[in-house]
PDB file of N, CA and C in Angstrom:
ATOM      1  N   MET A   1      15.859  -4.765  -9.010  1.00  0.00           N
ATOM      2  CA  MET A   1      15.999  -4.014  -7.770  1.00  0.00           C
ATOM      3  C   MET A   1      17.213  -4.500  -6.999  1.00  0.00           C
ATOM      4  N   SER A   2      17.899  -3.554  -6.397  1.00  0.00           N
ATOM      5  CA  SER A   2      19.076  -3.903  -5.626  1.00  0.00           C
ATOM      6  C   SER A   2      18.668  -4.392  -4.240  1.00  0.00           C
ATOM      7  N   ILE A   3      19.607  -5.016  -3.566  1.00  0.00           N
ATOM      8  CA  ILE A   3      19.348  -5.509  -2.213  1.00  0.00           C
ATOM      9  C   ILE A   3      19.032  -4.336  -1.289  1.00  0.00           C
ATOM     10  N   ARG A   4      19.753  -3.235  -1.487  1.00  0.00           N
ATOM     11  CA  ARG A   4      19.556  -2.063  -0.639  1.00  0.00           C
ATOM     12  C   ARG A   4      18.155  -1.482  -0.817  1.00  0.00           C
ATOM     13  N   SER A   5      17.698  -1.333  -2.066  1.00  0.00           N
ATOM     14  CA  SER A   5      16.366  -0.761  -2.300  1.00  0.00           C
ATOM     15  C   SER A   5      15.279  -1.694  -1.758  1.00  0.00           C
ATOM     16  N   THR A   6      15.525  -3.003  -1.829  1.00  0.00           N
ATOM     17  CA  THR A   6      14.576  -3.971  -1.270  1.00  0.00           C
ATOM     18  C   THR A   6      14.499  -3.813   0.249  1.00  0.00           C
ATOM     19  N   ARG A   7      15.665  -3.656   0.869  1.00  0.00           N
ATOM     20  CA  ARG A   7      15.716  -3.488   2.318  1.00  0.00           C
ATOM     21  C   ARG A   7      15.032  -2.192   2.762  1.00  0.00           C
ATOM     22  N   VAL A   8      15.291  -1.115   2.028  1.00  0.00           N
ATOM     23  CA  VAL A   8      14.659   0.170   2.331  1.00  0.00           C
ATOM     24  C   VAL A   8      13.142   0.040   2.161  1.00  0.00           C
ATOM     25  N   GLY A   9      12.701  -0.653   1.117  1.00  0.00           N
ATOM     26  CA  GLY A   9      11.277  -0.870   0.886  1.00  0.00           C
ATOM     27  C   GLY A   9      10.617  -1.621   2.025  1.00  0.00           C
ATOM     28  N   GLU A  10      11.285  -2.669   2.511  1.00  0.00           N
ATOM     29  CA  GLU A  10      10.734  -3.446   3.635  1.00  0.00           C
ATOM     30  C   GLU A  10      10.640  -2.601   4.897  1.00  0.00           C
ATOM     31  N   GLN A  11      11.676  -1.806   5.157  1.00  0.00           N
ATOM     32  CA  GLN A  11      11.674  -0.929   6.337  1.00  0.00           C
ATOM     33  C   GLN A  11      10.563   0.120   6.212  1.00  0.00           C
ATOM     34  N   MET A  12      10.424   0.685   5.004  1.00  0.00           N
ATOM     35  CA  MET A  12       9.371   1.683   4.779  1.00  0.00           C
ATOM     36  C   MET A  12       7.985   1.075   4.962  1.00  0.00           C
ATOM     37  N   LYS A  13       7.809  -0.151   4.507  1.00  0.00           N
ATOM     38  CA  LYS A  13       6.510  -0.832   4.642  1.00  0.00           C
ATOM     39  C   LYS A  13       6.121  -0.930   6.113  1.00  0.00           C
ATOM     40  N   LYS A  14       7.075  -1.339   6.938  1.00  0.00           N
ATOM     41  CA  LYS A  14       6.839  -1.476   8.370  1.00  0.00           C
ATOM     42  C   LYS A  14       6.488  -0.121   8.998  1.00  0.00           C
ATOM     43  N   GLU A  15       7.280   0.893   8.678  1.00  0.00           N
ATOM     44  CA  GLU A  15       7.061   2.223   9.257  1.00  0.00           C
ATOM     45  C   GLU A  15       5.768   2.856   8.742  1.00  0.00           C
ATOM     46  N   LEU A  16       5.480   2.698   7.449  1.00  0.00           N
ATOM     47  CA  LEU A  16       4.260   3.273   6.876  1.00  0.00           C
ATOM     48  C   LEU A  16       3.007   2.681   7.520  1.00  0.00           C
ATOM     49  N   SER A  17       3.024   1.380   7.765  1.00  0.00           N
ATOM     50  CA  SER A  17       1.880   0.735   8.421  1.00  0.00           C
ATOM     51  C   SER A  17       1.628   1.378   9.774  1.00  0.00           C
ATOM     52  N   ASP A  18       2.703   1.641  10.506  1.00  0.00           N
ATOM     53  CA  ASP A  18       2.594   2.256  11.823  1.00  0.00           C
ATOM     54  C   ASP A  18       2.120   3.708  11.715  1.00  0.00           C
ATOM     55  N   ILE A  19       2.710   4.470  10.790  1.00  0.00           N
ATOM     56  CA  ILE A  19       2.355   5.884  10.635  1.00  0.00           C
ATOM     57  C   ILE A  19       0.896   6.033  10.212  1.00  0.00           C
ATOM     58  N   ILE A  20       0.482   5.282   9.192  1.00  0.00           N
ATOM     59  CA  ILE A  20      -0.890   5.401   8.692  1.00  0.00           C
ATOM     60  C   ILE A  20      -1.896   4.916   9.745  1.00  0.00           C
ATOM     61  N   GLY A  21      -1.530   3.855  10.453  1.00  0.00           N
ATOM     62  CA  GLY A  21      -2.438   3.298  11.455  1.00  0.00           C
ATOM     63  C   GLY A  21      -2.562   4.119  12.720  1.00  0.00           C
ATOM     64  N   ARG A  22      -1.499   4.811  13.116  1.00  0.00           N
ATOM     65  CA  ARG A  22      -1.523   5.482  14.419  1.00  0.00           C
ATOM     66  C   ARG A  22      -1.435   6.991  14.380  1.00  0.00           C
ATOM     67  N   LYS A  23      -0.706   7.543  13.428  1.00  0.00           N
ATOM     68  CA  LYS A  23      -0.405   8.981  13.468  1.00  0.00           C
ATOM     69  C   LYS A  23      -1.378   9.854  12.684  1.00  0.00           C
ATOM     70  N   ILE A  24      -1.973   9.303  11.629  1.00  0.00           N
ATOM     71  CA  ILE A  24      -2.823  10.122  10.766  1.00  0.00           C
ATOM     72  C   ILE A  24      -4.263  10.053  11.258  1.00  0.00           C
ATOM     73  N   LYS A  25      -4.847  11.225  11.478  1.00  0.00           N
ATOM     74  CA  LYS A  25      -6.208  11.289  12.038  1.00  0.00           C
ATOM     75  C   LYS A  25      -7.234  11.766  11.010  1.00  0.00           C
ATOM     76  N   ASP A  26      -6.898  11.731   9.732  1.00  0.00           N
ATOM     77  CA  ASP A  26      -7.811  12.172   8.671  1.00  0.00           C
ATOM     78  C   ASP A  26      -9.005  11.221   8.598  1.00  0.00           C
ATOM     79  N   PRO A  27     -10.239  11.741   8.743  1.00  0.00           N
ATOM     80  CA  PRO A  27     -11.419  10.868   8.717  1.00  0.00           C
ATOM     81  C   PRO A  27     -11.668  10.207   7.358  1.00  0.00           C
ATOM     82  N   ARG A  28     -11.071  10.757   6.292  1.00  0.00           N
ATOM     83  CA  ARG A  28     -11.248  10.165   4.956  1.00  0.00           C
ATOM     84  C   ARG A  28     -10.505   8.841   4.819  1.00  0.00           C
ATOM     85  N   ILE A  29      -9.464   8.677   5.636  1.00  0.00           N
ATOM     86  CA  ILE A  29      -8.633   7.477   5.514  1.00  0.00           C
ATOM     87  C   ILE A  29      -9.280   6.334   6.281  1.00  0.00           C
ATOM     88  N   GLY A  30      -9.645   5.294   5.544  1.00  0.00           N
ATOM     89  CA  GLY A  30     -10.295   4.138   6.141  1.00  0.00           C
ATOM     90  C   GLY A  30      -9.282   3.121   6.642  1.00  0.00           C
ATOM     91  N   PHE A  31      -9.689   1.878   6.646  1.00  0.00           N
ATOM     92  CA  PHE A  31      -8.822   0.794   7.094  1.00  0.00           C
ATOM     93  C   PHE A  31      -7.859   0.437   5.970  1.00  0.00           C
ATOM     94  N   VAL A  32      -6.600   0.847   6.111  1.00  0.00           N
ATOM     95  CA  VAL A  32      -5.589   0.689   5.069  1.00  0.00           C
ATOM     96  C   VAL A  32      -4.578  -0.378   5.462  1.00  0.00           C
ATOM     97  N   THR A  33      -4.240  -1.225   4.498  1.00  0.00           N
ATOM     98  CA  THR A  33      -3.153  -2.184   4.679  1.00  0.00           C
ATOM     99  C   THR A  33      -2.089  -1.872   3.638  1.00  0.00           C
ATOM    100  N   VAL A  34      -0.857  -1.677   4.107  1.00  0.00           N
ATOM    101  CA  VAL A  34       0.256  -1.479   3.180  1.00  0.00           C
ATOM    102  C   VAL A  34       0.719  -2.870   2.773  1.00  0.00           C
ATOM    103  N   THR A  35       0.505  -3.228   1.504  1.00  0.00           N
ATOM    104  CA  THR A  35       0.813  -4.581   1.047  1.00  0.00           C
ATOM    105  C   THR A  35       2.231  -4.722   0.517  1.00  0.00           C
ATOM    106  N   ASP A  36       2.780  -3.628  -0.042  1.00  0.00           N
ATOM    107  CA  ASP A  36       4.133  -3.705  -0.598  1.00  0.00           C
ATOM    108  C   ASP A  36       4.677  -2.297  -0.795  1.00  0.00           C
ATOM    109  N   VAL A  37       5.991  -2.170  -0.752  1.00  0.00           N
ATOM    110  CA  VAL A  37       6.657  -0.912  -1.083  1.00  0.00           C
ATOM    111  C   VAL A  37       7.804  -1.260  -2.015  1.00  0.00           C
ATOM    112  N   ARG A  38       7.801  -0.646  -3.190  1.00  0.00           N
ATOM    113  CA  ARG A  38       8.871  -0.874  -4.164  1.00  0.00           C
ATOM    114  C   ARG A  38       9.641   0.425  -4.352  1.00  0.00           C
ATOM    115  N   VAL A  39      10.906   0.380  -4.004  1.00  0.00           N
ATOM    116  CA  VAL A  39      11.764   1.556  -4.089  1.00  0.00           C
ATOM    117  C   VAL A  39      12.658   1.409  -5.310  1.00  0.00           C
ATOM    118  N   THR A  40      12.781   2.498  -6.077  1.00  0.00           N
ATOM    119  CA  THR A  40      13.655   2.455  -7.255  1.00  0.00           C
ATOM    120  C   THR A  40      15.105   2.268  -6.817  1.00  0.00           C
ATOM    121  N   GLY A  41      15.934   1.787  -7.731  1.00  0.00           N
ATOM    122  CA  GLY A  41      17.337   1.503  -7.430  1.00  0.00           C
ATOM    123  C   GLY A  41      18.108   2.705  -6.913  1.00  0.00           C
ATOM    124  N   ASP A  42      17.734   3.916  -7.371  1.00  0.00           N
ATOM    125  CA  ASP A  42      18.421   5.124  -6.914  1.00  0.00           C
ATOM    126  C   ASP A  42      17.791   5.713  -5.642  1.00  0.00           C
ATOM    127  N   LEU A  43      16.818   5.000  -5.064  1.00  0.00           N
ATOM    128  CA  LEU A  43      16.133   5.381  -3.822  1.00  0.00           C
ATOM    129  C   LEU A  43      15.431   6.735  -3.915  1.00  0.00           C
ATOM    130  N   GLN A  44      15.012   7.128  -5.114  1.00  0.00           N
ATOM    131  CA  GLN A  44      14.338   8.417  -5.305  1.00  0.00           C
ATOM    132  C   GLN A  44      12.821   8.309  -5.155  1.00  0.00           C
ATOM    133  N   ILE A  45      12.250   7.199  -5.601  1.00  0.00           N
ATOM    134  CA  ILE A  45      10.795   7.033  -5.602  1.00  0.00           C
ATOM    135  C   ILE A  45      10.411   5.731  -4.908  1.00  0.00           C
ATOM    136  N   ALA A  46       9.390   5.823  -4.067  1.00  0.00           N
ATOM    137  CA  ALA A  46       8.849   4.635  -3.401  1.00  0.00           C
ATOM    138  C   ALA A  46       7.386   4.503  -3.798  1.00  0.00           C
ATOM    139  N   LYS A  47       7.050   3.415  -4.497  1.00  0.00           N
ATOM    140  CA  LYS A  47       5.652   3.134  -4.819  1.00  0.00           C
ATOM    141  C   LYS A  47       5.090   2.313  -3.679  1.00  0.00           C
ATOM    142  N   VAL A  48       4.072   2.849  -3.044  1.00  0.00           N
ATOM    143  CA  VAL A  48       3.454   2.200  -1.896  1.00  0.00           C
ATOM    144  C   VAL A  48       2.134   1.593  -2.356  1.00  0.00           C
ATOM    145  N   TYR A  49       2.047   0.277  -2.279  1.00  0.00           N
ATOM    146  CA  TYR A  49       0.832  -0.427  -2.685  1.00  0.00           C
ATOM    147  C   TYR A  49      -0.035  -0.653  -1.460  1.00  0.00           C
ATOM    148  N   ILE A  50      -1.302  -0.236  -1.564  1.00  0.00           N
ATOM    149  CA  ILE A  50      -2.214  -0.345  -0.431  1.00  0.00           C
ATOM    150  C   ILE A  50      -3.490  -1.073  -0.832  1.00  0.00           C
ATOM    151  N   SER A  51      -4.122  -1.679   0.153  1.00  0.00           N
ATOM    152  CA  SER A  51      -5.476  -2.191  -0.047  1.00  0.00           C
ATOM    153  C   SER A  51      -6.336  -1.502   1.008  1.00  0.00           C
ATOM    154  N   VAL A  52      -7.559  -1.186   0.618  1.00  0.00           N
ATOM    155  CA  VAL A  52      -8.466  -0.450   1.490  1.00  0.00           C
ATOM    156  C   VAL A  52      -9.753  -1.239   1.628  1.00  0.00           C
ATOM    157  N   LEU A  53     -10.198  -1.381   2.855  1.00  0.00           N
ATOM    158  CA  LEU A  53     -11.459  -2.064   3.109  1.00  0.00           C
ATOM    159  C   LEU A  53     -12.601  -1.106   2.774  1.00  0.00           C
ATOM    160  N   GLY A  54     -13.543  -1.541   1.955  1.00  0.00           N
ATOM    161  CA  GLY A  54     -14.692  -0.696   1.642  1.00  0.00           C
ATOM    162  C   GLY A  54     -14.963  -0.611   0.158  1.00  0.00           C
ATOM    163  N   ASP A  55     -15.931   0.224  -0.177  1.00  0.00           N
ATOM    164  CA  ASP A  55     -16.336   0.377  -1.572  1.00  0.00           C
ATOM    165  C   ASP A  55     -15.424   1.357  -2.318  1.00  0.00           C
ATOM    166  N   GLU A  56     -15.772   1.604  -3.575  1.00  0.00           N
ATOM    167  CA  GLU A  56     -14.949   2.457  -4.436  1.00  0.00           C
ATOM    168  C   GLU A  56     -14.826   3.883  -3.888  1.00  0.00           C
ATOM    169  N   GLU A  57     -15.905   4.405  -3.332  1.00  0.00           N
ATOM    170  CA  GLU A  57     -15.880   5.764  -2.774  1.00  0.00           C
ATOM    171  C   GLU A  57     -14.917   5.844  -1.589  1.00  0.00           C
ATOM    172  N   GLN A  58     -14.952   4.840  -0.725  1.00  0.00           N
ATOM    173  CA  GLN A  58     -14.046   4.820   0.426  1.00  0.00           C
ATOM    174  C   GLN A  58     -12.589   4.698  -0.033  1.00  0.00           C
ATOM    175  N   ARG A  59     -12.365   3.910  -1.087  1.00  0.00           N
ATOM    176  CA  ARG A  59     -11.015   3.764  -1.632  1.00  0.00           C
ATOM    177  C   ARG A  59     -10.498   5.104  -2.143  1.00  0.00           C
ATOM    178  N   GLU A  60     -11.346   5.822  -2.903  1.00  0.00           N
ATOM    179  CA  GLU A  60     -10.948   7.121  -3.464  1.00  0.00           C
ATOM    180  C   GLU A  60     -10.710   8.149  -2.358  1.00  0.00           C
ATOM    181  N   ASN A  61     -11.588   8.173  -1.357  1.00  0.00           N
ATOM    182  CA  ASN A  61     -11.415   9.108  -0.235  1.00  0.00           C
ATOM    183  C   ASN A  61     -10.128   8.831   0.518  1.00  0.00           C
ATOM    184  N   THR A  62      -9.813   7.553   0.700  1.00  0.00           N
ATOM    185  CA  THR A  62      -8.582   7.176   1.381  1.00  0.00           C
ATOM    186  C   THR A  62      -7.366   7.661   0.595  1.00  0.00           C
ATOM    187  N   LEU A  63      -7.401   7.486  -0.723  1.00  0.00           N
ATOM    188  CA  LEU A  63      -6.296   7.932  -1.572  1.00  0.00           C
ATOM    189  C   LEU A  63      -6.124   9.450  -1.484  1.00  0.00           C
ATOM    190  N   LYS A  64      -7.236  10.184  -1.469  1.00  0.00           N
ATOM    191  CA  LYS A  64      -7.173  11.650  -1.333  1.00  0.00           C
ATOM    192  C   LYS A  64      -6.581  12.038   0.017  1.00  0.00           C
ATOM    193  N   GLY A  65      -7.025  11.357   1.071  1.00  0.00           N
ATOM    194  CA  GLY A  65      -6.509  11.640   2.409  1.00  0.00           C
ATOM    195  C   GLY A  65      -5.014  11.377   2.515  1.00  0.00           C
ATOM    196  N   LEU A  66      -4.576  10.263   1.919  1.00  0.00           N
ATOM    197  CA  LEU A  66      -3.148   9.932   1.941  1.00  0.00           C
ATOM    198  C   LEU A  66      -2.344  10.937   1.119  1.00  0.00           C
ATOM    199  N   ALA A  67      -2.910  11.392   0.006  1.00  0.00           N
ATOM    200  CA  ALA A  67      -2.223  12.390  -0.820  1.00  0.00           C
ATOM    201  C   ALA A  67      -2.042  13.692  -0.045  1.00  0.00           C
ATOM    202  N   THR A  68      -3.057  14.070   0.730  1.00  0.00           N
ATOM    203  CA  THR A  68      -2.983  15.275   1.555  1.00  0.00           C
ATOM    204  C   THR A  68      -1.911  15.131   2.640  1.00  0.00           C
ATOM    205  N   ALA A  69      -1.792  13.940   3.189  1.00  0.00           N
ATOM    206  CA  ALA A  69      -0.859  13.692   4.291  1.00  0.00           C
ATOM    207  C   ALA A  69       0.544  13.294   3.815  1.00  0.00           C
ATOM    208  N   LYS A  70       0.757  13.281   2.511  1.00  0.00           N
ATOM    209  CA  LYS A  70       2.014  12.778   1.949  1.00  0.00           C
ATOM    210  C   LYS A  70       3.258  13.480   2.526  1.00  0.00           C
ATOM    211  N   GLY A  71       3.196  14.788   2.673  1.00  0.00           N
ATOM    212  CA  GLY A  71       4.324  15.548   3.231  1.00  0.00           C
ATOM    213  C   GLY A  71       4.648  15.122   4.651  1.00  0.00           C
ATOM    214  N   PHE A  72       3.596  14.994   5.474  1.00  0.00           N
ATOM    215  CA  PHE A  72       3.766  14.551   6.853  1.00  0.00           C
ATOM    216  C   PHE A  72       4.342  13.134   6.896  1.00  0.00           C
ATOM    217  N   ILE A  73       3.780  12.250   6.070  1.00  0.00           N
ATOM    218  CA  ILE A  73       4.235  10.858   6.040  1.00  0.00           C
ATOM    219  C   ILE A  73       5.708  10.791   5.654  1.00  0.00           C
ATOM    220  N   ARG A  74       6.079  11.562   4.644  1.00  0.00           N
ATOM    221  CA  ARG A  74       7.469  11.557   4.169  1.00  0.00           C
ATOM    222  C   ARG A  74       8.419  12.075   5.249  1.00  0.00           C
ATOM    223  N   SER A  75       8.020  13.108   5.975  1.00  0.00           N
ATOM    224  CA  SER A  75       8.894  13.625   7.035  1.00  0.00           C
ATOM    225  C   SER A  75       9.013  12.621   8.180  1.00  0.00           C
ATOM    226  N   GLU A  76       7.921  11.918   8.489  1.00  0.00           N
ATOM    227  CA  GLU A  76       7.974  10.864   9.520  1.00  0.00           C
ATOM    228  C   GLU A  76       8.936   9.743   9.098  1.00  0.00           C
ATOM    229  N   ILE A  77       8.837   9.337   7.826  1.00  0.00           N
ATOM    230  CA  ILE A  77       9.742   8.303   7.307  1.00  0.00           C
ATOM    231  C   ILE A  77      11.179   8.775   7.406  1.00  0.00           C
ATOM    232  N   GLY A  78      11.401  10.036   7.048  1.00  0.00           N
ATOM    233  CA  GLY A  78      12.744  10.613   7.113  1.00  0.00           C
ATOM    234  C   GLY A  78      13.337  10.579   8.510  1.00  0.00           C
ATOM    235  N   GLN A  79      12.496  10.773   9.515  1.00  0.00           N
ATOM    236  CA  GLN A  79      12.971  10.733  10.906  1.00  0.00           C
ATOM    237  C   GLN A  79      13.257   9.301  11.365  1.00  0.00           C
ATOM    238  N   ARG A  80      12.486   8.355  10.848  1.00  0.00           N
ATOM    239  CA  ARG A  80      12.603   6.973  11.310  1.00  0.00           C
ATOM    240  C   ARG A  80      13.672   6.168  10.578  1.00  0.00           C
ATOM    241  N   ILE A  81      13.879   6.465   9.301  1.00  0.00           N
ATOM    242  CA  ILE A  81      14.860   5.727   8.507  1.00  0.00           C
ATOM    243  C   ILE A  81      15.982   6.677   8.123  1.00  0.00           C
ATOM    244  N   ARG A  82      17.197   6.295   8.420  1.00  0.00           N
ATOM    245  CA  ARG A  82      18.345   7.156   8.148  1.00  0.00           C
ATOM    246  C   ARG A  82      18.788   7.035   6.695  1.00  0.00           C
ATOM    247  N   LEU A  83      18.331   7.982   5.868  1.00  0.00           N
ATOM    248  CA  LEU A  83      18.753   8.058   4.474  1.00  0.00           C
ATOM    249  C   LEU A  83      19.149   9.500   4.188  1.00  0.00           C
ATOM    250  N   ARG A  84      20.041   9.691   3.227  1.00  0.00           N
ATOM    251  CA  ARG A  84      20.409  11.051   2.848  1.00  0.00           C
ATOM    252  C   ARG A  84      19.206  11.817   2.329  1.00  0.00           C
ATOM    253  N   LYS A  85      18.413  11.136   1.499  1.00  0.00           N
ATOM    254  CA  LYS A  85      17.219  11.762   0.924  1.00  0.00           C
ATOM    255  C   LYS A  85      16.064  10.773   1.041  1.00  0.00           C
ATOM    256  N   THR A  86      14.963  11.235   1.592  1.00  0.00           N
ATOM    257  CA  THR A  86      13.788  10.374   1.732  1.00  0.00           C
ATOM    258  C   THR A  86      13.114  10.236   0.367  1.00  0.00           C
ATOM    259  N   PRO A  87      12.798   9.011  -0.042  1.00  0.00           N
ATOM    260  CA  PRO A  87      12.165   8.817  -1.358  1.00  0.00           C
ATOM    261  C   PRO A  87      10.822   9.529  -1.485  1.00  0.00           C
ATOM    262  N   GLU A  88      10.510   9.958  -2.686  1.00  0.00           N
ATOM    263  CA  GLU A  88       9.185  10.516  -3.005  1.00  0.00           C
ATOM    264  C   GLU A  88       8.180   9.367  -2.929  1.00  0.00           C
ATOM    265  N   ILE A  89       7.047   9.601  -2.279  1.00  0.00           N
ATOM    266  CA  ILE A  89       6.075   8.523  -2.064  1.00  0.00           C
ATOM    267  C   ILE A  89       4.929   8.636  -3.072  1.00  0.00           C
ATOM    268  N   GLN A  90       4.602   7.514  -3.698  1.00  0.00           N
ATOM    269  CA  GLN A  90       3.452   7.429  -4.604  1.00  0.00           C
ATOM    270  C   GLN A  90       2.554   6.299  -4.111  1.00  0.00           C
ATOM    271  N   PHE A  91       1.304   6.619  -3.833  1.00  0.00           N
ATOM    272  CA  PHE A  91       0.356   5.602  -3.379  1.00  0.00           C
ATOM    273  C   PHE A  91      -0.403   5.024  -4.557  1.00  0.00           C
ATOM    274  N   GLU A  92      -0.533   3.696  -4.583  1.00  0.00           N
ATOM    275  CA  GLU A  92      -1.303   3.003  -5.617  1.00  0.00           C
ATOM    276  C   GLU A  92      -2.075   1.868  -4.971  1.00  0.00           C
ATOM    277  N   PHE A  93      -3.230   1.553  -5.574  1.00  0.00           N
ATOM    278  CA  PHE A  93      -4.001   0.421  -5.070  1.00  0.00           C
ATOM    279  C   PHE A  93      -3.337  -0.870  -5.502  1.00  0.00           C
ATOM    280  N   ASP A  94      -3.306  -1.837  -4.591  1.00  0.00           N
ATOM    281  CA  ASP A  94      -2.770  -3.160  -4.912  1.00  0.00           C
ATOM    282  C   ASP A  94      -3.891  -3.962  -5.544  1.00  0.00           C
ATOM    283  N   GLU A  95      -3.826  -4.086  -6.850  1.00  0.00           N
ATOM    284  CA  GLU A  95      -4.880  -4.793  -7.580  1.00  0.00           C
ATOM    285  C   GLU A  95      -4.747  -6.314  -7.464  1.00  0.00           C
ATOM    286  N   SER A  96      -3.606  -6.795  -6.976  1.00  0.00           N
ATOM    287  CA  SER A  96      -3.376  -8.240  -6.923  1.00  0.00           C
ATOM    288  C   SER A  96      -4.362  -8.941  -5.979  1.00  0.00           C
ATOM    289  N   ILE A  97      -4.802  -8.258  -4.941  1.00  0.00           N
ATOM    290  CA  ILE A  97      -5.745  -8.863  -4.000  1.00  0.00           C
ATOM    291  C   ILE A  97      -7.093  -9.078  -4.692  1.00  0.00           C
ATOM    292  N   ASP A  98      -7.569  -8.028  -5.408  1.00  0.00           N
ATOM    293  CA  ASP A  98      -8.831  -8.161  -6.153  1.00  0.00           C
ATOM    294  C   ASP A  98      -8.702  -9.245  -7.220  1.00  0.00           C
ATOM    295  N   TYR A  99      -7.560  -9.270  -7.878  1.00  0.00           N
ATOM    296  CA  TYR A  99      -7.300 -10.260  -8.925  1.00  0.00           C
ATOM    297  C   TYR A  99      -7.335 -11.676  -8.334  1.00  0.00           C
ATOM    298  N   GLY A 100      -6.687 -11.847  -7.189  1.00  0.00           N
ATOM    299  CA  GLY A 100      -6.679 -13.150  -6.510  1.00  0.00           C
ATOM    300  C   GLY A 100      -8.067 -13.582  -6.085  1.00  0.00           C
ATOM    301  N   ASN A 101      -8.850 -12.629  -5.567  1.00  0.00           N
ATOM    302  CA  ASN A 101     -10.226 -12.938  -5.172  1.00  0.00           C
ATOM    303  C   ASN A 101     -11.057 -13.349  -6.372  1.00  0.00           C
ATOM    304  N   ARG A 102     -10.859 -12.697  -7.495  1.00  0.00           N
ATOM    305  CA  ARG A 102     -11.600 -13.024  -8.717  1.00  0.00           C
ATOM    306  C   ARG A 102     -11.254 -14.437  -9.179  1.00  0.00           C
ATOM    307  N   ILE A 103      -9.971 -14.788  -9.169  1.00  0.00           N
ATOM    308  CA  ILE A 103      -9.549 -16.138  -9.568  1.00  0.00           C
ATOM    309  C   ILE A 103     -10.154 -17.176  -8.627  1.00  0.00           C
ATOM    310  N   GLU A 104     -10.128 -16.883  -7.329  1.00  0.00           N
ATOM    311  CA  GLU A 104     -10.692 -17.813  -6.348  1.00  0.00           C
ATOM    312  C   GLU A 104     -12.185 -18.034  -6.593  1.00  0.00           C
ATOM    313  N   THR A 105     -12.909 -16.959  -6.919  1.00  0.00           N
ATOM    314  CA  THR A 105     -14.338 -17.060  -7.225  1.00  0.00           C
ATOM    315  C   THR A 105     -14.564 -17.921  -8.458  1.00  0.00           C
ATOM    316  N   LEU A 106     -13.756 -17.706  -9.503  1.00  0.00           N
ATOM    317  CA  LEU A 106     -13.894 -18.496 -10.731  1.00  0.00           C
ATOM    318  C   LEU A 106     -13.625 -19.980 -10.485  1.00  0.00           C
ATOM    319  N   ILE A 107     -12.603 -20.280  -9.709  1.00  0.00           N
ATOM    320  CA  ILE A 107     -12.276 -21.674  -9.390  1.00  0.00           C
ATOM    321  C   ILE A 107     -13.429 -22.310  -8.616  1.00  0.00           C
ATOM    322  N   HIS A 108     -13.974 -21.561  -7.658  1.00  0.00           N
ATOM    323  CA  HIS A 108     -15.101 -22.060  -6.873  1.00  0.00           C
ATOM    324  C   HIS A 108     -16.301 -22.350  -7.773  1.00  0.00           C
ATOM    325  N   GLU A 109     -16.574 -21.433  -8.729  1.00  0.00           N
ATOM    326  CA  GLU A 109     -17.688 -21.629  -9.659  1.00  0.00           C
ATOM    327  C   GLU A 109     -17.469 -22.856 -10.529  1.00  0.00           C
ATOM    328  N   ILE A 110     -16.256 -23.062 -10.998  1.00  0.00           N
ATOM    329  CA  ILE A 110     -15.941 -24.239 -11.833  1.00  0.00           C
ATOM    330  C   ILE A 110     -16.145 -25.522 -11.033  1.00  0.00           C
ATOM    331  N   ASN A 111     -15.628 -25.553  -9.801  1.00  0.00           N
ATOM    332  CA  ASN A 111     -15.776 -26.739  -8.948  1.00  0.00           C
ATOM    333  C   ASN A 111     -17.250 -27.006  -8.652  1.00  0.00           C
ATOM    334  N   HIS A 112     -17.979 -25.942  -8.410  1.00  0.00           N
ATOM    335  CA  HIS A 112     -19.401 -26.078  -8.098  1.00  0.00           C
ATOM    336  C   HIS A 112     -20.176 -26.630  -9.306  1.00  0.00           C
ATOM    337  N   SER A 113     -19.858 -26.131 -10.492  1.00  0.00           N
ATOM    338  CA  SER A 113     -20.556 -26.610 -11.690  1.00  0.00           C
ATOM    339  C   SER A 113     -20.175 -28.050 -12.030  1.00  0.00           C
ATOM    340  N   ASP A 114     -18.928 -28.462 -11.714  1.00  0.00           N
ATOM    341  CA  ASP A 114     -18.495 -29.842 -11.936  1.00  0.00           C
ATOM    342  C   ASP A 114     -19.278 -30.819 -11.052  1.00  0.00           C
ATOM    343  N   LYS A 115     -19.567 -30.410  -9.816  1.00  0.00           N
ATOM    344  CA  LYS A 115     -20.286 -31.274  -8.898  1.00  0.00           C
ATOM    345  C   LYS A 115     -21.742 -31.470  -9.321  1.00  0.00           C
ATOM    346  N   GLU A 116     -22.299 -30.466 -10.002  1.00  0.00           N
ATOM    347  CA  GLU A 116     -23.688 -30.562 -10.466  1.00  0.00           C
ATOM    348  C   GLU A 116     -23.825 -31.490 -11.661  1.00  0.00           C
ATOM    349  N   ASP A 117     -22.775 -31.662 -12.468  1.00  0.00           N
ATOM    350  CA  ASP A 117     -22.837 -32.503 -13.679  1.00  0.00           C
ATOM    351  C   ASP A 117     -22.898 -33.962 -13.378  1.00  0.00           C
TER     352      ASP A 117
END
């Protein structure tokens, strides 16, 4: 990734957090955290990684709500960030948080079993 695409990604992350948190009133969208935004080198596509508080159904509903609002979100980004062309937005779940929690649980279980021996 180029320095420019990294910078655009960081700016988009900041703006997306604000837009999703304040501007979108879709009841399907739960408590969303934008964890990362990765923009391709040609600034055409932005993969937005999110984590959602709640169960699998709430996660899926949030993704549907964000997909519905994608046009609005993209136009808001276009107004806030000065680019010739606003990147296409793709929402994905950030699996790294779940992965980290799983590792932490395993480490805790290992430590706990060591103390019992």
